[in-house]
Every structure is written in C-alpha cells, then in structure tokens.
Amino acid sequence: MLEKHVIDAVDVETTLLSESEQQARDLGIQMMKSFGFKDVDVVFVEHNGFAARIRLRAYVYRPGDRYSWVDGGDQK
C-alpha cells in the first residue's frame, strides 16, 4: 500500500557568524530561500557578539492552507 506524506514546515536551527541580530535574520532567510523555500520565518534568534543562534521555519503549507493536490491540482 502506497501512502502519501505531507510536510507542512521544516525547521532548521544553526549558528551563523554575524555582526548583529538583524544580519543573522537576513542571512538565515537568504539561506532558506537558496534551498528553494519561498515562505520563511525566523522563530528564534539570540546574538552573542560575534555569532547568532537562530531557528528558522520554512513553510510548504501554512495552517489552514488547502492542499491543491487533494483537489487534483498541482503540488507545491
């Protein structure tokens, strides 16, 4: 039996070298978009002087979105 699985979001937690919290946010979003994700949020960031611990969430589907493939449309 073949089952379909849906990933709604992907979280990535990492440390980025950055001069400020804002630079870490910008770098993190740019990184996730380079992976092909279009909808990205910064969930957590903590800058400590030379680097930032950051958690990013990339959405494939947001809560409440309709899965187009259920209705026979194209997949995201």
PDB file of N, CA and C in Angstrom:
ATOM      1  N   MET A   1       0.848  -1.179   0.000  1.00  0.00           N
ATOM      2  CA  MET A   1       0.000   0.000   0.000  1.00  0.00           C
ATOM      3  C   MET A   1       0.895   1.245   0.000  1.00  0.00           C
ATOM      4  N   LEU A   2       0.694   2.128  -0.933  1.00  0.00           N
ATOM      5  CA  LEU A   2       1.468   3.362  -1.046  1.00  0.00           C
ATOM      6  C   LEU A   2       0.754   4.470  -0.297  1.00  0.00           C
ATOM      7  N   GLU A   3       1.433   5.078   0.663  1.00  0.00           N
ATOM      8  CA  GLU A   3       0.849   6.171   1.432  1.00  0.00           C
ATOM      9  C   GLU A   3       1.492   7.481   1.022  1.00  0.00           C
ATOM     10  N   LYS A   4       0.731   8.560   1.098  1.00  0.00           N
ATOM     11  CA  LYS A   4       1.259   9.888   0.814  1.00  0.00           C
ATOM     12  C   LYS A   4       1.556  10.580   2.142  1.00  0.00           C
ATOM     13  N   HIS A   5       2.664  11.260   2.184  1.00  0.00           N
ATOM     14  CA  HIS A   5       3.047  12.002   3.379  1.00  0.00           C
ATOM     15  C   HIS A   5       3.160  13.472   3.023  1.00  0.00           C
ATOM     16  N   VAL A   6       2.754  14.324   3.950  1.00  0.00           N
ATOM     17  CA  VAL A   6       2.770  15.763   3.727  1.00  0.00           C
ATOM     18  C   VAL A   6       3.688  16.410   4.751  1.00  0.00           C
ATOM     19  N   ILE A   7       4.607  17.221   4.273  1.00  0.00           N
ATOM     20  CA  ILE A   7       5.440  18.031   5.167  1.00  0.00           C
ATOM     21  C   ILE A   7       4.903  19.447   5.082  1.00  0.00           C
ATOM     22  N   ASP A   8       4.431  19.978   6.215  1.00  0.00           N
ATOM     23  CA  ASP A   8       3.892  21.328   6.227  1.00  0.00           C
ATOM     24  C   ASP A   8       4.977  22.373   6.442  1.00  0.00           C
ATOM     25  N   ALA A   9       6.002  22.036   7.245  1.00  0.00           N
ATOM     26  CA  ALA A   9       7.053  23.005   7.556  1.00  0.00           C
ATOM     27  C   ALA A   9       8.343  22.270   7.890  1.00  0.00           C
ATOM     28  N   VAL A  10       9.452  22.973   7.700  1.00  0.00           N
ATOM     29  CA  VAL A  10      10.763  22.434   8.021  1.00  0.00           C
ATOM     30  C   VAL A  10      11.453  23.440   8.922  1.00  0.00           C
ATOM     31  N   ASP A  11      11.945  22.990  10.086  1.00  0.00           N
ATOM     32  CA  ASP A  11      12.696  23.851  10.998  1.00  0.00           C
ATOM     33  C   ASP A  11      14.177  23.543  10.884  1.00  0.00           C
ATOM     34  N   VAL A  12      14.979  24.605  10.871  1.00  0.00           N
ATOM     35  CA  VAL A  12      16.436  24.477  10.851  1.00  0.00           C
ATOM     36  C   VAL A  12      16.973  25.348  11.978  1.00  0.00           C
ATOM     37  N   GLU A  13      17.808  24.758  12.825  1.00  0.00           N
ATOM     38  CA  GLU A  13      18.470  25.524  13.882  1.00  0.00           C
ATOM     39  C   GLU A  13      19.971  25.439  13.651  1.00  0.00           C
ATOM     40  N   THR A  14      20.631  26.596  13.654  1.00  0.00           N
ATOM     41  CA  THR A  14      22.055  26.638  13.364  1.00  0.00           C
ATOM     42  C   THR A  14      22.682  27.859  14.031  1.00  0.00           C
ATOM     43  N   THR A  15      23.974  27.997  13.884  1.00  0.00           N
ATOM     44  CA  THR A  15      24.700  29.180  14.343  1.00  0.00           C
ATOM     45  C   THR A  15      25.308  29.854  13.124  1.00  0.00           C
ATOM     46  N   LEU A  16      25.084  31.159  13.020  1.00  0.00           N
ATOM     47  CA  LEU A  16      25.612  31.936  11.904  1.00  0.00           C
ATOM     48  C   LEU A  16      26.550  33.015  12.428  1.00  0.00           C
ATOM     49  N   LEU A  17      27.705  33.170  11.808  1.00  0.00           N
ATOM     50  CA  LEU A  17      28.585  34.279  12.139  1.00  0.00           C
ATOM     51  C   LEU A  17      27.935  35.555  11.628  1.00  0.00           C
ATOM     52  N   SER A  18      27.782  36.536  12.515  1.00  0.00           N
ATOM     53  CA  SER A  18      27.115  37.770  12.118  1.00  0.00           C
ATOM     54  C   SER A  18      27.516  38.901  13.050  1.00  0.00           C
ATOM     55  N   GLU A  19      27.426  40.114  12.544  1.00  0.00           N
ATOM     56  CA  GLU A  19      27.767  41.290  13.335  1.00  0.00           C
ATOM     57  C   GLU A  19      26.590  41.784  14.173  1.00  0.00           C
ATOM     58  N   SER A  20      25.374  41.363  13.820  1.00  0.00           N
ATOM     59  CA  SER A  20      24.185  41.821  14.547  1.00  0.00           C
ATOM     60  C   SER A  20      23.066  40.792  14.406  1.00  0.00           C
ATOM     61  N   GLU A  21      22.042  40.983  15.226  1.00  0.00           N
ATOM     62  CA  GLU A  21      20.871  40.113  15.146  1.00  0.00           C
ATOM     63  C   GLU A  21      20.180  40.275  13.789  1.00  0.00           C
ATOM     64  N   GLN A  22      20.097  41.504  13.310  1.00  0.00           N
ATOM     65  CA  GLN A  22      19.443  41.747  12.025  1.00  0.00           C
ATOM     66  C   GLN A  22      20.194  41.072  10.879  1.00  0.00           C
ATOM     67  N   GLN A  23      21.522  41.118  10.916  1.00  0.00           N
ATOM     68  CA  GLN A  23      22.307  40.459   9.874  1.00  0.00           C
ATOM     69  C   GLN A  23      22.078  38.948   9.917  1.00  0.00           C
ATOM     70  N   ALA A  24      21.974  38.377  11.108  1.00  0.00           N
ATOM     71  CA  ALA A  24      21.704  36.946  11.240  1.00  0.00           C
ATOM     72  C   ALA A  24      20.333  36.607  10.647  1.00  0.00           C
ATOM     73  N   ARG A  25      19.336  37.439  10.923  1.00  0.00           N
ATOM     74  CA  ARG A  25      17.996  37.226  10.350  1.00  0.00           C
ATOM     75  C   ARG A  25      18.056  37.232   8.825  1.00  0.00           C
ATOM     76  N   ASP A  26      18.718  38.248   8.286  1.00  0.00           N
ATOM     77  CA  ASP A  26      18.814  38.374   6.828  1.00  0.00           C
ATOM     78  C   ASP A  26      19.550  37.185   6.214  1.00  0.00           C
ATOM     79  N   LEU A  27      20.668  36.771   6.831  1.00  0.00           N
ATOM     80  CA  LEU A  27      21.434  35.628   6.331  1.00  0.00           C
ATOM     81  C   LEU A  27      20.622  34.337   6.398  1.00  0.00           C
ATOM     82  N   GLY A  28      19.900  34.154   7.506  1.00  0.00           N
ATOM     83  CA  GLY A  28      19.098  32.945   7.675  1.00  0.00           C
ATOM     84  C   GLY A  28      17.993  32.834   6.648  1.00  0.00           C
ATOM     85  N   ILE A  29      17.290  33.928   6.420  1.00  0.00           N
ATOM     86  CA  ILE A  29      16.214  33.928   5.423  1.00  0.00           C
ATOM     87  C   ILE A  29      16.787  33.692   4.034  1.00  0.00           C
ATOM     88  N   GLN A  30      17.895  34.354   3.731  1.00  0.00           N
ATOM     89  CA  GLN A  30      18.553  34.167   2.426  1.00  0.00           C
ATOM     90  C   GLN A  30      18.974  32.707   2.239  1.00  0.00           C
ATOM     91  N   MET A  31      19.506  32.087   3.300  1.00  0.00           N
ATOM     92  CA  MET A  31      19.934  30.693   3.226  1.00  0.00           C
ATOM     93  C   MET A  31      18.752  29.777   2.905  1.00  0.00           C
ATOM     94  N   MET A  32      17.644  29.944   3.644  1.00  0.00           N
ATOM     95  CA  MET A  32      16.483  29.083   3.423  1.00  0.00           C
ATOM     96  C   MET A  32      15.893  29.282   2.026  1.00  0.00           C
ATOM     97  N   LYS A  33      15.896  30.514   1.546  1.00  0.00           N
ATOM     98  CA  LYS A  33      15.383  30.768   0.192  1.00  0.00           C
ATOM     99  C   LYS A  33      16.298  30.152  -0.857  1.00  0.00           C
ATOM    100  N   SER A  34      17.602  30.093  -0.565  1.00  0.00           N
ATOM    101  CA  SER A  34      18.518  29.451  -1.515  1.00  0.00           C
ATOM    102  C   SER A  34      18.267  27.946  -1.596  1.00  0.00           C
ATOM    103  N   PHE A  35      17.628  27.369  -0.561  1.00  0.00           N
ATOM    104  CA  PHE A  35      17.246  25.959  -0.582  1.00  0.00           C
ATOM    105  C   PHE A  35      15.961  25.732  -1.373  1.00  0.00           C
ATOM    106  N   GLY A  36      15.320  26.811  -1.821  1.00  0.00           N
ATOM    107  CA  GLY A  36      14.114  26.701  -2.625  1.00  0.00           C
ATOM    108  C   GLY A  36      12.819  26.994  -1.888  1.00  0.00           C
ATOM    109  N   PHE A  37      12.897  27.337  -0.603  1.00  0.00           N
ATOM    110  CA  PHE A  37      11.690  27.675   0.153  1.00  0.00           C
ATOM    111  C   PHE A  37      11.312  29.125  -0.115  1.00  0.00           C
ATOM    112  N   LYS A  38      10.018  29.387  -0.280  1.00  0.00           N
ATOM    113  CA  LYS A  38       9.565  30.740  -0.566  1.00  0.00           C
ATOM    114  C   LYS A  38       9.010  31.439   0.667  1.00  0.00           C
ATOM    115  N   ASP A  39       8.474  30.694   1.602  1.00  0.00           N
ATOM    116  CA  ASP A  39       7.802  31.249   2.785  1.00  0.00           C
ATOM    117  C   ASP A  39       8.618  30.882   4.022  1.00  0.00           C
ATOM    118  N   VAL A  40       9.361  31.848   4.574  1.00  0.00           N
ATOM    119  CA  VAL A  40      10.299  31.584   5.666  1.00  0.00           C
ATOM    120  C   VAL A  40      10.048  32.561   6.814  1.00  0.00           C
ATOM    121  N   ASP A  41      10.091  32.054   8.054  1.00  0.00           N
ATOM    122  CA  ASP A  41      10.001  32.886   9.256  1.00  0.00           C
ATOM    123  C   ASP A  41      11.202  32.623  10.142  1.00  0.00           C
ATOM    124  N   VAL A  42      11.606  33.646  10.886  1.00  0.00           N
ATOM    125  CA  VAL A  42      12.603  33.481  11.937  1.00  0.00           C
ATOM    126  C   VAL A  42      11.825  33.206  13.222  1.00  0.00           C
ATOM    127  N   VAL A  43      12.031  32.032  13.805  1.00  0.00           N
ATOM    128  CA  VAL A  43      11.316  31.625  15.002  1.00  0.00           C
ATOM    129  C   VAL A  43      12.048  32.116  16.256  1.00  0.00           C
ATOM    130  N   PHE A  44      13.380  32.094  16.220  1.00  0.00           N
ATOM    131  CA  PHE A  44      14.189  32.454  17.385  1.00  0.00           C
ATOM    132  C   PHE A  44      15.549  32.932  16.906  1.00  0.00           C
ATOM    133  N   VAL A  45      16.076  33.976  17.548  1.00  0.00           N
ATOM    134  CA  VAL A  45      17.444  34.406  17.274  1.00  0.00           C
ATOM    135  C   VAL A  45      18.037  34.984  18.556  1.00  0.00           C
ATOM    136  N   GLU A  46      19.290  34.618  18.818  1.00  0.00           N
ATOM    137  CA  GLU A  46      19.995  35.098  20.008  1.00  0.00           C
ATOM    138  C   GLU A  46      21.426  35.438  19.577  1.00  0.00           C
ATOM    139  N   HIS A  47      21.740  36.725  19.548  1.00  0.00           N
ATOM    140  CA  HIS A  47      23.064  37.178  19.116  1.00  0.00           C
ATOM    141  C   HIS A  47      23.962  37.318  20.348  1.00  0.00           C
ATOM    142  N   ASN A  48      25.222  36.849  20.234  1.00  0.00           N
ATOM    143  CA  ASN A  48      26.117  36.891  21.398  1.00  0.00           C
ATOM    144  C   ASN A  48      27.413  37.649  21.133  1.00  0.00           C
ATOM    145  N   GLY A  49      27.432  38.551  20.180  1.00  0.00           N
ATOM    146  CA  GLY A  49      28.618  39.357  19.948  1.00  0.00           C
ATOM    147  C   GLY A  49      29.290  39.087  18.615  1.00  0.00           C
ATOM    148  N   PHE A  50      29.505  37.838  18.271  1.00  0.00           N
ATOM    149  CA  PHE A  50      30.152  37.506  17.000  1.00  0.00           C
ATOM    150  C   PHE A  50      29.363  36.486  16.187  1.00  0.00           C
ATOM    151  N   ALA A  51      28.357  35.888  16.794  1.00  0.00           N
ATOM    152  CA  ALA A  51      27.546  34.880  16.111  1.00  0.00           C
ATOM    153  C   ALA A  51      26.130  34.909  16.674  1.00  0.00           C
ATOM    154  N   ALA A  52      25.249  34.242  15.991  1.00  0.00           N
ATOM    155  CA  ALA A  52      23.863  34.166  16.441  1.00  0.00           C
ATOM    156  C   ALA A  52      23.361  32.737  16.326  1.00  0.00           C
ATOM    157  N   ARG A  53      22.691  32.300  17.372  1.00  0.00           N
ATOM    158  CA  ARG A  53      21.963  31.030  17.331  1.00  0.00           C
ATOM    159  C   ARG A  53      20.597  31.383  16.766  1.00  0.00           C
ATOM    160  N   ILE A  54      20.187  30.669  15.719  1.00  0.00           N
ATOM    161  CA  ILE A  54      18.955  31.033  15.027  1.00  0.00           C
ATOM    162  C   ILE A  54      18.161  29.789  14.654  1.00  0.00           C
ATOM    163  N   ARG A  55      16.844  29.901  14.779  1.00  0.00           N
ATOM    164  CA  ARG A  55      15.929  28.827  14.339  1.00  0.00           C
ATOM    165  C   ARG A  55      15.011  29.431  13.280  1.00  0.00           C
ATOM    166  N   LEU A  56      14.980  28.772  12.136  1.00  0.00           N
ATOM    167  CA  LEU A  56      14.183  29.229  11.002  1.00  0.00           C
ATOM    168  C   LEU A  56      13.139  28.186  10.658  1.00  0.00           C
ATOM    169  N   ARG A  57      11.983  28.647  10.208  1.00  0.00           N
ATOM    170  CA  ARG A  57      10.919  27.721   9.789  1.00  0.00           C
ATOM    171  C   ARG A  57      10.520  28.070   8.359  1.00  0.00           C
ATOM    172  N   ALA A  58      10.611  27.091   7.490  1.00  0.00           N
ATOM    173  CA  ALA A  58      10.196  27.241   6.096  1.00  0.00           C
ATOM    174  C   ALA A  58       8.879  26.493   5.925  1.00  0.00           C
ATOM    175  N   TYR A  59       7.885  27.189   5.445  1.00  0.00           N
ATOM    176  CA  TYR A  59       6.561  26.589   5.258  1.00  0.00           C
ATOM    177  C   TYR A  59       6.392  26.089   3.836  1.00  0.00           C
ATOM    178  N   VAL A  60       5.913  24.871   3.716  1.00  0.00           N
ATOM    179  CA  VAL A  60       5.445  24.353   2.448  1.00  0.00           C
ATOM    180  C   VAL A  60       3.955  24.663   2.361  1.00  0.00           C
ATOM    181  N   TYR A  61       3.245  24.395   3.436  1.00  0.00           N
ATOM    182  CA  TYR A  61       1.844  24.756   3.597  1.00  0.00           C
ATOM    183  C   TYR A  61       1.679  25.372   4.978  1.00  0.00           C
ATOM    184  N   ARG A  62       0.990  26.493   5.069  1.00  0.00           N
ATOM    185  CA  ARG A  62       0.669  27.115   6.362  1.00  0.00           C
ATOM    186  C   ARG A  62      -0.624  26.496   6.888  1.00  0.00           C
ATOM    187  N   PRO A  63      -0.803  26.543   8.213  1.00  0.00           N
ATOM    188  CA  PRO A  63      -2.062  26.035   8.766  1.00  0.00           C
ATOM    189  C   PRO A  63      -3.263  26.719   8.096  1.00  0.00           C
ATOM    190  N   GLY A  64      -4.221  25.932   7.687  1.00  0.00           N
ATOM    191  CA  GLY A  64      -5.408  26.462   7.031  1.00  0.00           C
ATOM    192  C   GLY A  64      -5.317  26.488   5.518  1.00  0.00           C
ATOM    193  N   ASP A  65      -4.106  26.298   4.962  1.00  0.00           N
ATOM    194  CA  ASP A  65      -3.964  26.222   3.506  1.00  0.00           C
ATOM    195  C   ASP A  65      -4.682  24.982   2.993  1.00  0.00           C
ATOM    196  N   ARG A  66      -5.149  25.058   1.759  1.00  0.00           N
ATOM    197  CA  ARG A  66      -5.752  23.888   1.116  1.00  0.00           C
ATOM    198  C   ARG A  66      -4.662  23.172   0.337  1.00  0.00           C
ATOM    199  N   TYR A  67      -4.628  21.872   0.459  1.00  0.00           N
ATOM    200  CA  TYR A  67      -3.689  21.072  -0.311  1.00  0.00           C
ATOM    201  C   TYR A  67      -4.236  20.953  -1.730  1.00  0.00           C
ATOM    202  N   SER A  68      -3.583  21.618  -2.660  1.00  0.00           N
ATOM    203  CA  SER A  68      -4.094  21.645  -4.041  1.00  0.00           C
ATOM    204  C   SER A  68      -4.109  20.261  -4.665  1.00  0.00           C
ATOM    205  N   TRP A  69      -3.175  19.407  -4.275  1.00  0.00           N
ATOM    206  CA  TRP A  69      -3.128  18.072  -4.865  1.00  0.00           C
ATOM    207  C   TRP A  69      -4.292  17.202  -4.446  1.00  0.00           C
ATOM    208  N   VAL A  70      -4.968  17.532  -3.326  1.00  0.00           N
ATOM    209  CA  VAL A  70      -6.157  16.770  -2.908  1.00  0.00           C
ATOM    210  C   VAL A  70      -7.276  16.988  -3.898  1.00  0.00           C
ATOM    211  N   ASP A  71      -7.360  18.217  -4.428  1.00  0.00           N
ATOM    212  CA  ASP A  71      -8.416  18.557  -5.394  1.00  0.00           C
ATOM    213  C   ASP A  71      -8.001  18.258  -6.831  1.00  0.00           C
ATOM    214  N   GLY A  72      -6.861  17.598  -7.030  1.00  0.00           N
ATOM    215  CA  GLY A  72      -6.405  17.253  -8.362  1.00  0.00           C
ATOM    216  C   GLY A  72      -5.554  18.313  -9.023  1.00  0.00           C
ATOM    217  N   GLY A  73      -5.166  19.356  -8.268  1.00  0.00           N
ATOM    218  CA  GLY A  73      -4.312  20.409  -8.827  1.00  0.00           C
ATOM    219  C   GLY A  73      -2.839  20.058  -8.707  1.00  0.00           C
ATOM    220  N   ASP A  74      -2.008  21.000  -9.056  1.00  0.00           N
ATOM    221  CA  ASP A  74      -0.553  20.795  -8.975  1.00  0.00           C
ATOM    222  C   ASP A  74      -0.076  20.813  -7.537  1.00  0.00           C
ATOM    223  N   GLN A  75       1.019  20.100  -7.303  1.00  0.00           N
ATOM    224  CA  GLN A  75       1.660  20.107  -5.982  1.00  0.00           C
ATOM    225  C   GLN A  75       2.508  21.354  -5.868  1.00  0.00           C
ATOM    226  N   LYS A  76       2.762  21.774  -4.625  1.00  0.00           N
ATOM    227  CA  LYS A  76       3.661  22.904  -4.382  1.00  0.00           C
ATOM    228  C   LYS A  76       5.072  22.475  -4.580  1.00  0.00           C
TER     229      LYS A  76
END
